[in-house]
Amino acid sequence: MLYYVLSVLWMTSYLHIIDAVKAFPVAASLFWNSLPSDIRSSPSLPIFRQRLKTFLFRQSFPDVVL
């Protein structure tokens, strides 16, 4: 009986890990698609980072004027 309980617990935790691994690509694509097109179409990585930081800052602190 103990073996059965341990195997069920292991399988349950394994399935949670599998769900988490599958959930990341879904969450990442939803986040990417929620970005404005000017951020997604940035011509270089430094410009992308700058625009993304500004976007996230404005989302987090809407009352602050830049």
N, C-alpha and C. Protein backbone atom coordinates (compact mmCIF):
# COMPACT_ATOMS: atom_id res chain seq x y z
N MET A 1 0.82 -1.20 0.00
CA MET A 1 0.00 0.00 0.00
C MET A 1 0.86 1.25 0.00
N LEU A 2 1.94 1.24 0.78
CA LEU A 2 2.83 2.39 0.83
C LEU A 2 3.44 2.67 -0.54
N TYR A 3 3.81 1.60 -1.24
CA TYR A 3 4.38 1.76 -2.59
C TYR A 3 3.38 2.45 -3.51
N TYR A 4 2.13 2.06 -3.42
CA TYR A 4 1.08 2.67 -4.25
C TYR A 4 0.93 4.16 -3.94
N VAL A 5 0.92 4.50 -2.66
CA VAL A 5 0.77 5.90 -2.25
C VAL A 5 1.95 6.72 -2.76
N LEU A 6 3.15 6.19 -2.59
CA LEU A 6 4.34 6.90 -3.05
C LEU A 6 4.34 7.05 -4.57
N SER A 7 3.92 6.04 -5.29
CA SER A 7 3.89 6.14 -6.74
C SER A 7 2.85 7.14 -7.22
N VAL A 8 1.72 7.22 -6.52
CA VAL A 8 0.68 8.20 -6.86
C VAL A 8 1.20 9.60 -6.58
N LEU A 9 1.86 9.80 -5.45
CA LEU A 9 2.42 11.12 -5.12
C LEU A 9 3.47 11.53 -6.15
N TRP A 10 4.33 10.58 -6.53
CA TRP A 10 5.35 10.88 -7.52
C TRP A 10 4.71 11.24 -8.86
N MET A 11 3.72 10.48 -9.27
CA MET A 11 3.05 10.72 -10.56
C MET A 11 2.35 12.07 -10.53
N THR A 12 1.75 12.43 -9.42
CA THR A 12 1.06 13.71 -9.30
C THR A 12 2.05 14.86 -9.43
N SER A 13 3.19 14.76 -8.73
CA SER A 13 4.19 15.84 -8.83
C SER A 13 4.78 15.87 -10.24
N TYR A 14 4.98 14.72 -10.84
CA TYR A 14 5.51 14.67 -12.21
C TYR A 14 4.54 15.36 -13.18
N LEU A 15 3.26 15.11 -13.02
CA LEU A 15 2.27 15.73 -13.91
C LEU A 15 2.23 17.24 -13.71
N HIS A 16 2.44 17.72 -12.49
CA HIS A 16 2.49 19.16 -12.24
C HIS A 16 3.70 19.78 -12.94
N ILE A 17 4.82 19.07 -12.92
CA ILE A 17 6.01 19.57 -13.60
C ILE A 17 5.75 19.62 -15.10
N ILE A 18 5.14 18.61 -15.66
CA ILE A 18 4.82 18.57 -17.09
C ILE A 18 3.88 19.73 -17.43
N ASP A 19 2.88 19.98 -16.59
CA ASP A 19 1.97 21.10 -16.83
C ASP A 19 2.72 22.42 -16.81
N ALA A 20 3.65 22.58 -15.89
CA ALA A 20 4.42 23.81 -15.81
C ALA A 20 5.29 24.00 -17.05
N VAL A 21 5.88 22.92 -17.53
CA VAL A 21 6.71 23.01 -18.73
C VAL A 21 5.86 23.38 -19.94
N LYS A 22 4.67 22.85 -20.02
CA LYS A 22 3.78 23.18 -21.13
C LYS A 22 3.21 24.58 -20.98
N ALA A 23 3.05 25.05 -19.75
CA ALA A 23 2.42 26.35 -19.50
C ALA A 23 3.34 27.50 -19.90
N PHE A 24 4.65 27.33 -19.78
CA PHE A 24 5.56 28.43 -20.09
C PHE A 24 5.43 28.90 -21.54
N PRO A 25 5.46 28.02 -22.54
CA PRO A 25 5.31 28.51 -23.91
C PRO A 25 3.99 29.22 -24.16
N VAL A 26 2.95 28.76 -23.51
CA VAL A 26 1.65 29.41 -23.66
C VAL A 26 1.68 30.80 -23.06
N ALA A 27 2.21 30.92 -21.84
CA ALA A 27 2.29 32.22 -21.18
C ALA A 27 3.22 33.17 -21.95
N ALA A 28 4.33 32.64 -22.44
CA ALA A 28 5.27 33.48 -23.18
C ALA A 28 4.64 33.99 -24.47
N SER A 29 3.90 33.14 -25.18
CA SER A 29 3.27 33.62 -26.42
C SER A 29 2.17 34.62 -26.15
N LEU A 30 1.42 34.41 -25.07
CA LEU A 30 0.38 35.39 -24.72
C LEU A 30 1.01 36.74 -24.37
N PHE A 31 2.12 36.70 -23.62
CA PHE A 31 2.80 37.95 -23.28
C PHE A 31 3.35 38.62 -24.54
N TRP A 32 4.00 37.85 -25.40
CA TRP A 32 4.56 38.41 -26.64
C TRP A 32 3.46 39.05 -27.49
N ASN A 33 2.34 38.37 -27.63
CA ASN A 33 1.25 38.90 -28.44
C ASN A 33 0.58 40.12 -27.81
N SER A 34 0.74 40.29 -26.49
CA SER A 34 0.14 41.45 -25.84
C SER A 34 1.01 42.71 -25.97
N LEU A 35 2.24 42.54 -26.43
CA LEU A 35 3.11 43.71 -26.60
C LEU A 35 2.68 44.52 -27.82
N PRO A 36 2.86 45.85 -27.75
CA PRO A 36 2.57 46.67 -28.93
C PRO A 36 3.48 46.28 -30.10
N SER A 37 3.01 46.49 -31.29
CA SER A 37 3.77 46.06 -32.46
C SER A 37 5.09 46.80 -32.62
N ASP A 38 5.17 48.05 -32.15
CA ASP A 38 6.45 48.75 -32.29
C ASP A 38 7.54 48.13 -31.41
N ILE A 39 7.15 47.50 -30.31
CA ILE A 39 8.14 46.80 -29.48
C ILE A 39 8.52 45.48 -30.15
N ARG A 40 7.53 44.75 -30.63
CA ARG A 40 7.82 43.45 -31.26
C ARG A 40 8.64 43.59 -32.53
N SER A 41 8.50 44.70 -33.21
CA SER A 41 9.22 44.87 -34.48
C SER A 41 10.46 45.75 -34.32
N SER A 42 11.03 45.79 -33.13
CA SER A 42 12.24 46.57 -32.90
C SER A 42 13.37 46.05 -33.78
N PRO A 43 14.16 46.97 -34.35
CA PRO A 43 15.19 46.55 -35.30
C PRO A 43 16.41 45.88 -34.66
N SER A 44 16.61 46.07 -33.36
CA SER A 44 17.78 45.45 -32.72
C SER A 44 17.44 45.10 -31.28
N LEU A 45 18.27 44.28 -30.69
CA LEU A 45 18.05 43.85 -29.32
C LEU A 45 18.16 45.01 -28.33
N PRO A 46 19.15 45.91 -28.44
CA PRO A 46 19.18 47.04 -27.49
C PRO A 46 17.94 47.93 -27.57
N ILE A 47 17.44 48.16 -28.75
CA ILE A 47 16.23 48.98 -28.90
C ILE A 47 15.03 48.24 -28.34
N PHE A 48 14.96 46.94 -28.59
CA PHE A 48 13.88 46.12 -28.03
C PHE A 48 13.88 46.21 -26.51
N ARG A 49 15.06 46.05 -25.91
CA ARG A 49 15.15 46.11 -24.44
C ARG A 49 14.71 47.47 -23.91
N GLN A 50 15.16 48.53 -24.57
CA GLN A 50 14.80 49.88 -24.12
C GLN A 50 13.29 50.08 -24.20
N ARG A 51 12.69 49.71 -25.30
CA ARG A 51 11.25 49.87 -25.47
C ARG A 51 10.47 49.00 -24.49
N LEU A 52 10.95 47.78 -24.28
CA LEU A 52 10.27 46.87 -23.36
C LEU A 52 10.34 47.40 -21.93
N LYS A 53 11.51 47.89 -21.51
CA LYS A 53 11.64 48.45 -20.17
C LYS A 53 10.70 49.64 -19.98
N THR A 54 10.64 50.52 -20.98
CA THR A 54 9.76 51.68 -20.90
C THR A 54 8.30 51.25 -20.81
N PHE A 55 7.93 50.29 -21.64
CA PHE A 55 6.55 49.78 -21.64
C PHE A 55 6.19 49.19 -20.28
N LEU A 56 7.06 48.34 -19.74
CA LEU A 56 6.77 47.69 -18.46
C LEU A 56 6.77 48.70 -17.32
N PHE A 57 7.64 49.70 -17.38
CA PHE A 57 7.65 50.74 -16.36
C PHE A 57 6.35 51.52 -16.38
N ARG A 58 5.90 51.88 -17.57
CA ARG A 58 4.64 52.63 -17.68
C ARG A 58 3.44 51.80 -17.24
N GLN A 59 3.50 50.49 -17.46
CA GLN A 59 2.42 49.61 -17.00
C GLN A 59 2.41 49.54 -15.47
N SER A 60 3.59 49.52 -14.88
CA SER A 60 3.69 49.38 -13.44
C SER A 60 3.44 50.68 -12.69
N PHE A 61 3.85 51.80 -13.28
CA PHE A 61 3.73 53.11 -12.63
C PHE A 61 3.07 54.11 -13.57
N PRO A 62 1.76 53.99 -13.76
CA PRO A 62 1.08 54.86 -14.73
C PRO A 62 1.04 56.33 -14.34
N ASP A 63 1.23 56.65 -13.05
CA ASP A 63 1.15 58.04 -12.61
C ASP A 63 2.45 58.80 -12.77
N VAL A 64 3.55 58.09 -13.02
CA VAL A 64 4.86 58.73 -13.15
C VAL A 64 5.01 59.26 -14.58
N VAL A 65 5.43 60.52 -14.69
CA VAL A 65 5.65 61.13 -16.00
C VAL A 65 7.13 61.01 -16.33
N LEU A 66 7.41 60.48 -17.51
CA LEU A 66 8.81 60.33 -17.95
C LEU A 66 9.25 61.56 -18.70
